[in-house]
Protein backbone atom coordinates (compact mmCIF):
# COMPACT_ATOMS: atom_id res chain seq x y z
CA MET A 1 46.06 194.02 75.41
CA ALA A 2 44.24 192.66 78.46
CA PRO A 3 43.52 188.93 78.58
CA SER A 4 39.99 187.99 77.56
CA PHE A 5 37.51 187.08 80.28
CA GLU A 6 36.03 183.62 79.97
CA GLY A 7 32.35 183.63 80.92
CA ARG A 8 30.97 181.35 83.60
CA THR A 9 27.68 180.48 85.23
CA PHE A 10 27.17 180.85 88.98
CA VAL A 11 25.80 177.62 90.44
CA ASN A 12 25.26 175.75 93.69
CA GLY A 13 25.88 172.05 94.29
CA GLY A 14 22.49 170.86 93.08
CA MET A 15 23.01 172.52 89.69
CA LEU A 16 26.40 171.02 88.81
CA ARG A 17 25.13 168.13 86.69
CA LYS A 18 23.22 170.58 84.42
CA PHE A 19 26.50 172.33 83.56
CA ASN A 20 28.77 169.33 83.00
CA GLY A 21 31.84 170.44 81.01
CA GLN A 22 30.89 174.15 81.08
CA ASN A 23 32.60 176.94 83.01
CA VAL A 24 31.00 177.51 86.39
CA SER A 25 31.65 179.37 89.61
CA ILE A 26 30.63 177.86 92.94
CA PHE A 27 31.15 178.90 96.57
CA LEU A 28 32.27 176.16 98.96
CA ARG A 29 33.07 175.99 102.66
CA ILE A 30 36.29 173.99 102.95
CA GLU A 31 35.92 170.73 104.87
CA GLU A 32 39.35 169.34 104.12
CA GLU A 33 42.21 169.94 101.73
CA ALA A 34 45.07 167.58 100.98
CA GLY A 35 47.49 168.93 98.39
CA THR A 36 45.51 169.46 95.21
CA ASN A 37 42.37 167.70 96.43
CA LEU A 38 39.69 169.67 98.25
CA VAL A 39 36.37 168.60 99.73
CA GLY A 40 33.88 171.36 100.41
CA MET A 41 30.24 171.92 101.29
CA SER A 42 28.21 174.02 98.87
CA THR A 43 25.71 176.67 99.94
CA ASP A 44 22.90 174.14 99.42
CA LYS A 45 24.66 171.51 101.59
CA GLN A 46 26.06 169.30 98.83
CA LYS A 47 29.50 167.71 99.35
CA ILE A 48 31.70 168.64 96.39
CA ARG A 49 35.14 167.29 95.50
CA VAL A 50 37.53 169.63 93.69
CA LYS A 51 40.66 168.83 91.70
CA LEU A 52 42.89 171.89 92.18
CA HIS A 53 45.98 172.97 90.24
CA ASP A 54 47.48 174.52 93.39
CA SER A 55 46.54 174.36 97.06
CA THR A 56 44.25 177.16 98.28
CA GLY A 57 46.03 177.36 101.63
CA GLY A 58 42.66 177.68 103.33
CA ARG A 59 41.65 176.17 106.64
CA SER A 60 38.60 174.08 107.39
CA GLY A 61 35.57 176.38 107.58
CA SER A 62 36.96 178.99 105.17
CA TRP A 63 34.97 180.03 102.10
CA VAL A 64 36.48 179.61 98.65
CA GLU A 65 35.15 180.38 95.18
CA ILE A 66 35.98 177.63 92.70
CA ILE A 67 35.98 178.40 88.98
CA GLY A 68 36.17 175.38 86.72
CA LYS A 69 34.28 172.66 84.90
CA PRO A 70 32.03 170.09 86.58
CA MET A 71 32.72 166.45 85.80
CA GLY A 72 29.52 164.80 87.00
CA SER A 73 27.30 165.83 89.87
CA ASP A 74 29.89 166.27 92.63
CA VAL A 75 33.35 166.81 91.09
CA ILE A 76 34.89 169.98 89.65
CA ASP A 77 38.13 170.33 87.74
CA ALA A 78 39.22 173.76 88.99
CA LYS A 79 40.92 176.35 86.82
CA GLU A 80 41.08 178.91 89.60
CA SER A 81 40.30 179.23 93.29
CA ILE A 82 39.73 182.42 95.27
CA LEU A 83 40.10 182.10 99.02
CA PHE A 84 38.13 184.58 101.13
CA ALA A 85 39.83 186.20 104.11
CA GLU A 86 38.82 184.50 107.32
CA ASP A 87 37.79 187.78 108.91
CA ASP A 88 35.29 188.52 106.11
CA PRO A 89 31.61 188.55 107.09
CA GLU A 90 29.78 185.26 106.93
CA LEU A 91 28.37 184.33 103.52
CA ASP A 92 24.56 184.43 103.36
CA GLU A 93 24.00 180.97 101.90
CA ASP A 94 20.23 181.41 101.38
CA ALA A 95 20.76 184.68 99.49
CA TYR A 96 23.43 183.06 97.30
CA ASN A 97 21.10 180.15 96.48
CA MET A 98 18.30 182.59 95.57
CA MET A 99 20.71 184.55 93.37
CA VAL A 100 21.87 181.51 91.38
CA GLU A 101 18.27 180.32 90.93
CA PHE A 102 17.29 183.77 89.64
CA LEU A 103 20.31 184.09 87.32
CA ASN A 104 19.75 180.64 85.83
CA ASN A 105 15.95 180.87 85.49
CA CYS A 106 15.62 184.47 84.29
CA LYS A 107 18.49 184.65 81.79
CA GLU A 108 16.69 186.80 79.25
CA LEU A 109 15.77 189.45 81.83
CA TYR A 110 19.29 189.38 83.27
CA ARG A 111 21.01 189.70 79.85
CA SER A 112 18.75 192.45 78.52
CA GLY A 113 19.12 194.61 81.65
């Protein structure tokens, strides 16, 4: 039997405090990483600190998806991190911000299809 998928909400930095203690997914550009501590910039230019279980191995400027639970407005306790290949196309930050606003403000339309 396949492991069950734990749902999460896609957010940007400005939304973290609304989802305190809930599972979220956020995209960050790595600023610095020291062991299991990461500092990244969100798509809406918020500085976010992440408590990792394992190092991402990413370099400064790389994009990483962090899945975890916010603890306040600028800290996430990460369950998982997904590092994007450095040769991937640049992330469209404005499009991502529009997507998370739509998904979080139009939930009924999104869930009903």
